[in-house]
All heavy atoms as atom14 arrays in JSON, in Angstrom:
{
  "sequence": "QIIRNPLYVFNSLVTHRNPIPSQYMAVATWYIDAAIGYSLKDHARY",
  "atom14_mask": [
    [1, 1, 1, 1, 1, 1, 1, 1, 1, 0, 0, 0, 0, 0],
    [1, 1, 1, 1, 1, 1, 1, 1, 0, 0, 0, 0, 0, 0],
    [1, 1, 1, 1, 1, 1, 1, 1, 0, 0, 0, 0, 0, 0],
    [1, 1, 1, 1, 1, 1, 1, 1, 1, 1, 1, 0, 0, 0],
    [1, 1, 1, 1, 1, 1, 1, 1, 0, 0, 0, 0, 0, 0],
    [1, 1, 1, 1, 1, 1, 1, 0, 0, 0, 0, 0, 0, 0],
    [1, 1, 1, 1, 1, 1, 1, 1, 0, 0, 0, 0, 0, 0],
    [1, 1, 1, 1, 1, 1, 1, 1, 1, 1, 1, 1, 0, 0],
    [1, 1, 1, 1, 1, 1, 1, 0, 0, 0, 0, 0, 0, 0],
    [1, 1, 1, 1, 1, 1, 1, 1, 1, 1, 1, 0, 0, 0],
    [1, 1, 1, 1, 1, 1, 1, 1, 0, 0, 0, 0, 0, 0],
    [1, 1, 1, 1, 1, 1, 0, 0, 0, 0, 0, 0, 0, 0],
    [1, 1, 1, 1, 1, 1, 1, 1, 0, 0, 0, 0, 0, 0],
    [1, 1, 1, 1, 1, 1, 1, 0, 0, 0, 0, 0, 0, 0],
    [1, 1, 1, 1, 1, 1, 1, 0, 0, 0, 0, 0, 0, 0],
    [1, 1, 1, 1, 1, 1, 1, 1, 1, 1, 0, 0, 0, 0],
    [1, 1, 1, 1, 1, 1, 1, 1, 1, 1, 1, 0, 0, 0],
    [1, 1, 1, 1, 1, 1, 1, 1, 0, 0, 0, 0, 0, 0],
    [1, 1, 1, 1, 1, 1, 1, 0, 0, 0, 0, 0, 0, 0],
    [1, 1, 1, 1, 1, 1, 1, 1, 0, 0, 0, 0, 0, 0],
    [1, 1, 1, 1, 1, 1, 1, 0, 0, 0, 0, 0, 0, 0],
    [1, 1, 1, 1, 1, 1, 0, 0, 0, 0, 0, 0, 0, 0],
    [1, 1, 1, 1, 1, 1, 1, 1, 1, 0, 0, 0, 0, 0],
    [1, 1, 1, 1, 1, 1, 1, 1, 1, 1, 1, 1, 0, 0],
    [1, 1, 1, 1, 1, 1, 1, 1, 0, 0, 0, 0, 0, 0],
    [1, 1, 1, 1, 1, 0, 0, 0, 0, 0, 0, 0, 0, 0],
    [1, 1, 1, 1, 1, 1, 1, 0, 0, 0, 0, 0, 0, 0],
    [1, 1, 1, 1, 1, 0, 0, 0, 0, 0, 0, 0, 0, 0],
    [1, 1, 1, 1, 1, 1, 1, 0, 0, 0, 0, 0, 0, 0],
    [1, 1, 1, 1, 1, 1, 1, 1, 1, 1, 1, 1, 1, 1],
    [1, 1, 1, 1, 1, 1, 1, 1, 1, 1, 1, 1, 0, 0],
    [1, 1, 1, 1, 1, 1, 1, 1, 0, 0, 0, 0, 0, 0],
    [1, 1, 1, 1, 1, 1, 1, 1, 0, 0, 0, 0, 0, 0],
    [1, 1, 1, 1, 1, 0, 0, 0, 0, 0, 0, 0, 0, 0],
    [1, 1, 1, 1, 1, 0, 0, 0, 0, 0, 0, 0, 0, 0],
    [1, 1, 1, 1, 1, 1, 1, 1, 0, 0, 0, 0, 0, 0],
    [1, 1, 1, 1, 0, 0, 0, 0, 0, 0, 0, 0, 0, 0],
    [1, 1, 1, 1, 1, 1, 1, 1, 1, 1, 1, 1, 0, 0],
    [1, 1, 1, 1, 1, 1, 0, 0, 0, 0, 0, 0, 0, 0],
    [1, 1, 1, 1, 1, 1, 1, 1, 0, 0, 0, 0, 0, 0],
    [1, 1, 1, 1, 1, 1, 1, 1, 1, 0, 0, 0, 0, 0],
    [1, 1, 1, 1, 1, 1, 1, 1, 0, 0, 0, 0, 0, 0],
    [1, 1, 1, 1, 1, 1, 1, 1, 1, 1, 0, 0, 0, 0],
    [1, 1, 1, 1, 1, 0, 0, 0, 0, 0, 0, 0, 0, 0],
    [1, 1, 1, 1, 1, 1, 1, 1, 1, 1, 1, 0, 0, 0],
    [1, 1, 1, 1, 1, 1, 1, 1, 1, 1, 1, 1, 0, 0]
  ],
  "atom14_positions": [
    [[-33.25, -16.32, 9.43], [-31.8, -16.15, 9.58], [-31.41, -14.74, 9.16], [-31.89, -14.23, 8.14], [-31.03, -17.16, 8.74], [-29.51, -17.03, 8.87], [-28.74, -18.05, 8.04], [-29.31, -18.67, 7.15], [-27.47, -18.21, 8.33], [0.0, 0.0, 0.0], [0.0, 0.0, 0.0], [0.0, 0.0, 0.0], [0.0, 0.0, 0.0], [0.0, 0.0, 0.0]],
    [[-30.56, -14.12, 9.94], [-30.02, -12.8, 9.6], [-28.59, -12.98, 9.1], [-27.78, -13.65, 9.75], [-30.03, -11.86, 10.81], [-31.42, -11.78, 11.44], [-29.57, -10.46, 10.4], [-31.44, -11.03, 12.76], [0.0, 0.0, 0.0], [0.0, 0.0, 0.0], [0.0, 0.0, 0.0], [0.0, 0.0, 0.0], [0.0, 0.0, 0.0], [0.0, 0.0, 0.0]],
    [[-28.3, -12.41, 7.96], [-26.94, -12.46, 7.4], [-26.32, -11.07, 7.5], [-26.9, -10.07, 7.05], [-26.96, -12.91, 5.93], [-27.47, -14.34, 5.8], [-25.55, -12.79, 5.32], [-26.53, -15.39, 6.38], [0.0, 0.0, 0.0], [0.0, 0.0, 0.0], [0.0, 0.0, 0.0], [0.0, 0.0, 0.0], [0.0, 0.0, 0.0], [0.0, 0.0, 0.0]],
    [[-25.13, -11.03, 8.09], [-24.4, -9.77, 8.22], [-23.07, -9.87, 7.47], [-22.52, -10.97, 7.31], [-24.13, -9.46, 9.7], [-23.51, -8.1, 9.94], [-23.23, -7.88, 11.42], [-22.75, -6.52, 11.68], [-22.31, -6.09, 12.85], [-22.28, -6.92, 13.89], [-21.89, -4.84, 13.0], [0.0, 0.0, 0.0], [0.0, 0.0, 0.0], [0.0, 0.0, 0.0]],
    [[-22.56, -8.76, 7.02], [-21.26, -8.72, 6.36], [-20.25, -9.5, 7.21], [-20.06, -9.19, 8.39], [-20.81, -7.26, 6.21], [-19.54, -7.12, 5.4], [-18.56, -7.83, 5.64], [-19.53, -6.2, 4.45], [0.0, 0.0, 0.0], [0.0, 0.0, 0.0], [0.0, 0.0, 0.0], [0.0, 0.0, 0.0], [0.0, 0.0, 0.0], [0.0, 0.0, 0.0]],
    [[-19.58, -10.51, 6.63], [-18.67, -11.35, 7.43], [-17.51, -10.59, 8.06], [-17.0, -11.0, 9.11], [-18.16, -12.38, 6.41], [-18.4, -11.76, 5.08], [-19.64, -10.94, 5.23], [0.0, 0.0, 0.0], [0.0, 0.0, 0.0], [0.0, 0.0, 0.0], [0.0, 0.0, 0.0], [0.0, 0.0, 0.0], [0.0, 0.0, 0.0], [0.0, 0.0, 0.0]],
    [[-17.1, -9.48, 7.47], [-16.0, -8.7, 8.05], [-16.4, -8.13, 9.4], [-15.61, -8.12, 10.35], [-15.59, -7.58, 7.1], [-14.99, -8.01, 5.76], [-14.68, -6.79, 4.9], [-13.73, -8.84, 5.98], [0.0, 0.0, 0.0], [0.0, 0.0, 0.0], [0.0, 0.0, 0.0], [0.0, 0.0, 0.0], [0.0, 0.0, 0.0], [0.0, 0.0, 0.0]],
    [[-17.64, -7.67, 9.5], [-18.12, -7.11, 10.77], [-18.35, -8.2, 11.81], [-18.11, -8.0, 13.0], [-19.39, -6.3, 10.54], [-19.18, -5.07, 9.71], [-19.78, -4.93, 8.47], [-18.36, -4.03, 10.16], [-19.58, -3.79, 7.69], [-18.16, -2.89, 9.39], [-18.77, -2.79, 8.16], [-18.56, -1.65, 7.4], [0.0, 0.0, 0.0], [0.0, 0.0, 0.0]],
    [[-18.85, -9.35, 11.36], [-19.02, -10.49, 12.29], [-17.66, -10.93, 12.81], [-17.49, -11.15, 14.02], [-19.73, -11.66, 11.58], [-19.76, -12.89, 12.49], [-21.15, -11.27, 11.19], [0.0, 0.0, 0.0], [0.0, 0.0, 0.0], [0.0, 0.0, 0.0], [0.0, 0.0, 0.0], [0.0, 0.0, 0.0], [0.0, 0.0, 0.0], [0.0, 0.0, 0.0]],
    [[-16.69, -11.04, 11.92], [-15.34, -11.43, 12.31], [-14.78, -10.47, 13.35], [-14.25, -10.89, 14.39], [-14.43, -11.47, 11.08], [-12.98, -11.69, 11.4], [-12.48, -12.96, 11.6], [-12.11, -10.61, 11.5], [-11.13, -13.16, 11.9], [-10.77, -10.79, 11.8], [-10.28, -12.08, 12.0], [0.0, 0.0, 0.0], [0.0, 0.0, 0.0], [0.0, 0.0, 0.0]],
    [[-14.89, -9.18, 13.08], [-14.34, -8.18, 14.0], [-15.01, -8.27, 15.37], [-14.35, -8.16, 16.41], [-14.55, -6.78, 13.41], [-13.94, -5.7, 14.3], [-12.74, -5.61, 14.48], [-14.8, -4.87, 14.87], [0.0, 0.0, 0.0], [0.0, 0.0, 0.0], [0.0, 0.0, 0.0], [0.0, 0.0, 0.0], [0.0, 0.0, 0.0], [0.0, 0.0, 0.0]],
    [[-16.31, -8.49, 15.37], [-17.03, -8.59, 16.64], [-16.58, -9.83, 17.42], [-16.39, -9.77, 18.64], [-18.53, -8.64, 16.38], [-19.23, -8.81, 17.59], [0.0, 0.0, 0.0], [0.0, 0.0, 0.0], [0.0, 0.0, 0.0], [0.0, 0.0, 0.0], [0.0, 0.0, 0.0], [0.0, 0.0, 0.0], [0.0, 0.0, 0.0], [0.0, 0.0, 0.0]],
    [[-16.41, -10.94, 16.72], [-16.05, -12.19, 17.41], [-14.65, -12.14, 18.02], [-14.42, -12.71, 19.09], [-16.15, -13.36, 16.43], [-17.57, -13.74, 15.98], [-17.5, -14.87, 14.95], [-18.43, -14.14, 17.16], [0.0, 0.0, 0.0], [0.0, 0.0, 0.0], [0.0, 0.0, 0.0], [0.0, 0.0, 0.0], [0.0, 0.0, 0.0], [0.0, 0.0, 0.0]],
    [[-13.73, -11.47, 17.36], [-12.35, -11.47, 17.87], [-12.1, -10.34, 18.86], [-11.08, -10.34, 19.55], [-11.33, -11.39, 16.71], [-11.45, -12.6, 15.8], [-11.48, -10.1, 15.92], [0.0, 0.0, 0.0], [0.0, 0.0, 0.0], [0.0, 0.0, 0.0], [0.0, 0.0, 0.0], [0.0, 0.0, 0.0], [0.0, 0.0, 0.0], [0.0, 0.0, 0.0]],
    [[-13.0, -9.36, 18.94], [-12.81, -8.26, 19.88], [-13.82, -8.29, 21.03], [-13.81, -7.4, 21.88], [-12.93, -6.9, 19.15], [-14.23, -6.78, 18.57], [-11.87, -6.77, 18.08], [0.0, 0.0, 0.0], [0.0, 0.0, 0.0], [0.0, 0.0, 0.0], [0.0, 0.0, 0.0], [0.0, 0.0, 0.0], [0.0, 0.0, 0.0], [0.0, 0.0, 0.0]],
    [[-14.67, -9.3, 21.04], [-15.67, -9.43, 22.11], [-14.99, -9.6, 23.46], [-13.84, -10.03, 23.54], [-16.55, -10.66, 21.81], [-17.79, -10.73, 22.64], [-17.82, -11.38, 23.86], [-19.04, -10.26, 22.44], [-19.04, -11.3, 24.37], [-19.8, -10.62, 23.53], [0.0, 0.0, 0.0], [0.0, 0.0, 0.0], [0.0, 0.0, 0.0], [0.0, 0.0, 0.0]],
    [[-15.72, -9.25, 24.53], [-15.12, -9.4, 25.87], [-14.78, -10.86, 26.18], [-13.92, -11.15, 27.0], [-16.07, -8.84, 26.94], [-17.4, -9.55, 27.07], [-18.25, -8.92, 28.16], [-19.52, -9.59, 28.35], [-20.6, -9.34, 27.64], [-20.57, -8.42, 26.69], [-21.73, -10.0, 27.86], [0.0, 0.0, 0.0], [0.0, 0.0, 0.0], [0.0, 0.0, 0.0]],
    [[-15.49, -11.79, 25.52], [-15.14, -13.21, 25.57], [-14.85, -13.66, 24.14], [-15.67, -14.32, 23.5], [-16.28, -14.03, 26.17], [-16.53, -13.69, 27.61], [-15.61, -13.64, 28.42], [-17.79, -13.42, 27.95], [0.0, 0.0, 0.0], [0.0, 0.0, 0.0], [0.0, 0.0, 0.0], [0.0, 0.0, 0.0], [0.0, 0.0, 0.0], [0.0, 0.0, 0.0]],
    [[-13.68, -13.28, 23.6], [-13.42, -13.5, 22.17], [-13.34, -14.97, 21.81], [-13.0, -15.82, 22.63], [-12.05, -12.81, 21.97], [-11.41, -12.84, 23.32], [-12.54, -12.68, 24.3], [0.0, 0.0, 0.0], [0.0, 0.0, 0.0], [0.0, 0.0, 0.0], [0.0, 0.0, 0.0], [0.0, 0.0, 0.0], [0.0, 0.0, 0.0], [0.0, 0.0, 0.0]],
    [[-13.69, -15.27, 20.56], [-13.58, -16.61, 20.04], [-12.09, -17.0, 20.02], [-11.23, -16.14, 19.82], [-14.22, -16.69, 18.64], [-14.66, -18.11, 18.31], [-13.29, -16.13, 17.58], [-15.68, -18.18, 17.18], [0.0, 0.0, 0.0], [0.0, 0.0, 0.0], [0.0, 0.0, 0.0], [0.0, 0.0, 0.0], [0.0, 0.0, 0.0], [0.0, 0.0, 0.0]],
    [[-11.76, -18.27, 20.28], [-10.35, -18.65, 20.5], [-9.39, -18.35, 19.37], [-8.22, -18.1, 19.61], [-10.45, -20.17, 20.74], [-11.82, -20.38, 21.26], [-12.67, -19.39, 20.55], [0.0, 0.0, 0.0], [0.0, 0.0, 0.0], [0.0, 0.0, 0.0], [0.0, 0.0, 0.0], [0.0, 0.0, 0.0], [0.0, 0.0, 0.0], [0.0, 0.0, 0.0]],
    [[-9.84, -18.39, 18.11], [-8.89, -18.16, 17.02], [-9.58, -17.44, 15.87], [-10.8, -17.48, 15.72], [-8.33, -19.49, 16.5], [-9.32, -20.2, 15.77], [0.0, 0.0, 0.0], [0.0, 0.0, 0.0], [0.0, 0.0, 0.0], [0.0, 0.0, 0.0], [0.0, 0.0, 0.0], [0.0, 0.0, 0.0], [0.0, 0.0, 0.0], [0.0, 0.0, 0.0]],
    [[-8.78, -16.77, 15.06], [-9.32, -16.08, 13.89], [-9.91, -17.07, 12.91], [-10.93, -16.78, 12.25], [-8.22, -15.24, 13.24], [-7.73, -14.08, 14.08], [-6.73, -13.21, 13.36], [-6.28, -13.52, 12.26], [-6.36, -12.1, 13.98], [0.0, 0.0, 0.0], [0.0, 0.0, 0.0], [0.0, 0.0, 0.0], [0.0, 0.0, 0.0], [0.0, 0.0, 0.0]],
    [[-9.3, -18.23, 12.8], [-9.83, -19.26, 11.9], [-11.25, -19.64, 12.31], [-12.15, -19.75, 11.48], [-8.93, -20.5, 11.92], [-9.55, -21.69, 11.23], [-9.52, -21.82, 9.84], [-10.2, -22.69, 11.96], [-10.1, -22.9, 9.2], [-10.78, -23.77, 11.33], [-10.73, -23.87, 9.96], [-11.32, -24.94, 9.32], [0.0, 0.0, 0.0], [0.0, 0.0, 0.0]],
    [[-11.47, -19.84, 13.61], [-12.8, -20.21, 14.09], [-13.81, -19.09, 13.84], [-14.98, -19.35, 13.55], [-12.75, -20.57, 15.57], [-12.04, -21.87, 15.88], [-12.05, -22.25, 17.64], [-13.82, -22.42, 17.95], [0.0, 0.0, 0.0], [0.0, 0.0, 0.0], [0.0, 0.0, 0.0], [0.0, 0.0, 0.0], [0.0, 0.0, 0.0], [0.0, 0.0, 0.0]],
    [[-13.36, -17.85, 13.95], [-14.26, -16.73, 13.7], [-14.73, -16.72, 12.25], [-15.91, -16.52, 11.96], [-13.55, -15.41, 14.04], [0.0, 0.0, 0.0], [0.0, 0.0, 0.0], [0.0, 0.0, 0.0], [0.0, 0.0, 0.0], [0.0, 0.0, 0.0], [0.0, 0.0, 0.0], [0.0, 0.0, 0.0], [0.0, 0.0, 0.0], [0.0, 0.0, 0.0]],
    [[-13.79, -16.93, 11.33], [-14.14, -16.98, 9.91], [-15.03, -18.19, 9.62], [-16.06, -18.09, 8.94], [-12.87, -17.03, 9.03], [-13.25, -17.26, 7.56], [-12.07, -15.75, 9.18], [0.0, 0.0, 0.0], [0.0, 0.0, 0.0], [0.0, 0.0, 0.0], [0.0, 0.0, 0.0], [0.0, 0.0, 0.0], [0.0, 0.0, 0.0], [0.0, 0.0, 0.0]],
    [[-14.64, -19.35, 10.16], [-15.39, -20.58, 9.91], [-16.81, -20.49, 10.44], [-17.75, -21.02, 9.83], [-14.67, -21.77, 10.53], [0.0, 0.0, 0.0], [0.0, 0.0, 0.0], [0.0, 0.0, 0.0], [0.0, 0.0, 0.0], [0.0, 0.0, 0.0], [0.0, 0.0, 0.0], [0.0, 0.0, 0.0], [0.0, 0.0, 0.0], [0.0, 0.0, 0.0]],
    [[-16.99, -19.82, 11.57], [-18.33, -19.68, 12.15], [-19.28, -19.03, 11.17], [-20.4, -19.52, 10.94], [-18.27, -18.86, 13.45], [-17.51, -19.58, 14.43], [-19.66, -18.6, 14.0], [0.0, 0.0, 0.0], [0.0, 0.0, 0.0], [0.0, 0.0, 0.0], [0.0, 0.0, 0.0], [0.0, 0.0, 0.0], [0.0, 0.0, 0.0], [0.0, 0.0, 0.0]],
    [[-18.85, -17.92, 10.57], [-19.73, -17.24, 9.62], [-20.01, -18.11, 8.4], [-21.16, -18.23, 7.96], [-19.12, -15.91, 9.18], [-20.06, -15.12, 8.3], [-20.97, -14.19, 8.71], [-20.19, -15.22, 6.87], [-21.66, -13.7, 7.62], [-21.21, -14.32, 6.48], [-19.55, -15.99, 5.89], [-21.6, -14.16, 5.15], [-19.95, -15.84, 4.56], [-20.95, -14.93, 4.21]],
    [[-18.96, -18.73, 7.84], [-19.14, -19.53, 6.63], [-20.06, -20.72, 6.87], [-20.92, -21.04, 6.04], [-17.79, -20.0, 6.08], [-17.15, -19.0, 5.15], [-16.08, -18.22, 5.56], [-17.64, -18.8, 3.86], [-15.5, -17.28, 4.72], [-17.07, -17.87, 3.0], [-16.0, -17.11, 3.44], [-15.44, -16.19, 2.6], [0.0, 0.0, 0.0], [0.0, 0.0, 0.0]],
    [[-19.89, -21.39, 7.99], [-20.74, -22.55, 8.29], [-22.19, -22.12, 8.46], [-23.11, -22.74, 7.91], [-20.22, -23.28, 9.55], [-18.88, -23.94, 9.26], [-21.23, -24.32, 10.03], [-18.19, -24.48, 10.49], [0.0, 0.0, 0.0], [0.0, 0.0, 0.0], [0.0, 0.0, 0.0], [0.0, 0.0, 0.0], [0.0, 0.0, 0.0], [0.0, 0.0, 0.0]],
    [[-22.4, -21.06, 9.22], [-23.76, -20.58, 9.45], [-24.42, -20.14, 8.15], [-25.59, -20.43, 7.89], [-23.76, -19.43, 10.45], [-23.27, -19.86, 11.83], [-23.15, -21.07, 12.05], [-23.01, -18.97, 12.66], [0.0, 0.0, 0.0], [0.0, 0.0, 0.0], [0.0, 0.0, 0.0], [0.0, 0.0, 0.0], [0.0, 0.0, 0.0], [0.0, 0.0, 0.0]],
    [[-23.67, -19.44, 7.31], [-24.21, -18.98, 6.03], [-24.52, -20.15, 5.11], [-25.53, -20.16, 4.4], [-23.23, -18.02, 5.36], [0.0, 0.0, 0.0], [0.0, 0.0, 0.0], [0.0, 0.0, 0.0], [0.0, 0.0, 0.0], [0.0, 0.0, 0.0], [0.0, 0.0, 0.0], [0.0, 0.0, 0.0], [0.0, 0.0, 0.0], [0.0, 0.0, 0.0]],
    [[-23.66, -21.17, 5.15], [-23.86, -22.34, 4.29], [-25.12, -23.1, 4.67], [-25.84, -23.61, 3.79], [-22.65, -23.26, 4.37], [0.0, 0.0, 0.0], [0.0, 0.0, 0.0], [0.0, 0.0, 0.0], [0.0, 0.0, 0.0], [0.0, 0.0, 0.0], [0.0, 0.0, 0.0], [0.0, 0.0, 0.0], [0.0, 0.0, 0.0], [0.0, 0.0, 0.0]],
    [[-25.41, -23.18, 5.96], [-26.63, -23.85, 6.39], [-27.85, -23.13, 5.83], [-28.78, -23.74, 5.31], [-26.7, -23.91, 7.93], [-25.6, -24.81, 8.47], [-28.07, -24.42, 8.39], [-25.47, -24.77, 9.98], [0.0, 0.0, 0.0], [0.0, 0.0, 0.0], [0.0, 0.0, 0.0], [0.0, 0.0, 0.0], [0.0, 0.0, 0.0], [0.0, 0.0, 0.0]],
    [[-27.83, -21.8, 5.94], [-28.93, -21.03, 5.4], [-29.06, -21.19, 3.89], [-30.17, -21.32, 3.35], [0.0, 0.0, 0.0], [0.0, 0.0, 0.0], [0.0, 0.0, 0.0], [0.0, 0.0, 0.0], [0.0, 0.0, 0.0], [0.0, 0.0, 0.0], [0.0, 0.0, 0.0], [0.0, 0.0, 0.0], [0.0, 0.0, 0.0], [0.0, 0.0, 0.0]],
    [[-27.93, -21.21, 3.2], [-27.96, -21.35, 1.74], [-28.6, -22.67, 1.33], [-29.32, -22.74, 0.33], [-26.55, -21.26, 1.16], [-26.52, -21.23, -0.35], [-26.81, -20.06, -1.05], [-26.22, -22.38, -1.08], [-26.79, -20.03, -2.44], [-26.21, -22.36, -2.46], [-26.49, -21.19, -3.14], [-26.49, -21.18, -4.51], [0.0, 0.0, 0.0], [0.0, 0.0, 0.0]],
    [[-28.36, -23.71, 2.11], [-28.95, -25.02, 1.8], [-30.47, -25.02, 1.94], [-31.15, -25.9, 1.41], [-28.35, -26.1, 2.72], [-28.81, -25.95, 4.05], [0.0, 0.0, 0.0], [0.0, 0.0, 0.0], [0.0, 0.0, 0.0], [0.0, 0.0, 0.0], [0.0, 0.0, 0.0], [0.0, 0.0, 0.0], [0.0, 0.0, 0.0], [0.0, 0.0, 0.0]],
    [[-31.01, -24.03, 2.65], [-32.46, -23.94, 2.87], [-33.11, -22.82, 2.07], [-34.29, -22.54, 2.26], [-32.74, -23.71, 4.36], [-32.33, -24.83, 5.3], [-32.4, -24.34, 6.75], [-33.21, -26.06, 5.12], [0.0, 0.0, 0.0], [0.0, 0.0, 0.0], [0.0, 0.0, 0.0], [0.0, 0.0, 0.0], [0.0, 0.0, 0.0], [0.0, 0.0, 0.0]],
    [[-32.36, -22.19, 1.18], [-32.82, -20.96, 0.52], [-34.12, -21.16, -0.26], [-34.87, -20.19, -0.45], [-31.73, -20.42, -0.4], [-31.36, -21.3, -1.57], [-30.23, -20.69, -2.38], [-29.79, -21.6, -3.52], [-30.86, -21.79, -4.53], [0.0, 0.0, 0.0], [0.0, 0.0, 0.0], [0.0, 0.0, 0.0], [0.0, 0.0, 0.0], [0.0, 0.0, 0.0]],
    [[-34.42, -22.38, -0.7], [-35.63, -22.62, -1.48], [-36.78, -23.15, -0.62], [-37.86, -23.45, -1.15], [-35.34, -23.62, -2.61], [-34.35, -23.06, -3.63], [-34.42, -21.84, -3.9], [-33.51, -23.83, -4.13], [0.0, 0.0, 0.0], [0.0, 0.0, 0.0], [0.0, 0.0, 0.0], [0.0, 0.0, 0.0], [0.0, 0.0, 0.0], [0.0, 0.0, 0.0]],
    [[-36.54, -23.28, 0.68], [-37.6, -23.77, 1.57], [-38.65, -22.68, 1.75], [-38.33, -21.51, 2.0], [-37.01, -24.18, 2.92], [-37.91, -25.05, 3.73], [-39.08, -24.57, 4.29], [-37.83, -26.37, 4.06], [-39.67, -25.55, 4.95], [-38.95, -26.65, 4.82], [0.0, 0.0, 0.0], [0.0, 0.0, 0.0], [0.0, 0.0, 0.0], [0.0, 0.0, 0.0]],
    [[-39.91, -23.06, 1.68], [-41.0, -22.08, 1.72], [-41.1, -21.36, 3.06], [-41.62, -20.24, 3.12], [-42.33, -22.77, 1.41], [0.0, 0.0, 0.0], [0.0, 0.0, 0.0], [0.0, 0.0, 0.0], [0.0, 0.0, 0.0], [0.0, 0.0, 0.0], [0.0, 0.0, 0.0], [0.0, 0.0, 0.0], [0.0, 0.0, 0.0], [0.0, 0.0, 0.0]],
    [[-40.59, -21.98, 4.13], [-40.73, -21.37, 5.46], [-39.39, -20.92, 6.04], [-39.28, -20.68, 7.23], [-41.44, -22.34, 6.41], [-42.91, -22.54, 6.05], [-43.63, -23.51, 6.98], [-43.25, -24.88, 6.71], [-42.51, -25.64, 7.5], [-42.06, -25.15, 8.65], [-42.21, -26.88, 7.17], [0.0, 0.0, 0.0], [0.0, 0.0, 0.0], [0.0, 0.0, 0.0]],
    [[-38.41, -20.81, 5.19], [-37.11, -20.23, 5.59], [-37.05, -18.8, 5.06], [-37.33, -18.54, 3.88], [-35.96, -21.06, 5.02], [-34.62, -20.35, 5.09], [-33.89, -20.33, 6.27], [-34.1, -19.69, 3.97], [-32.66, -19.67, 6.33], [-32.88, -19.04, 4.02], [-32.17, -19.03, 5.21], [-30.96, -18.38, 5.27], [0.0, 0.0, 0.0], [0.0, 0.0, 0.0]]
  ]
}
């Protein structure tokens, strides 16, 4: 998993040629994805 600064991910999602429908969804996307990775942080193959 690659983690990027959420501010830059947010900006990319809302300014993309096919932007994400809402700013809330853009923020939630990063947090959900990061949370999944955090739950696996101690896994030997993550």
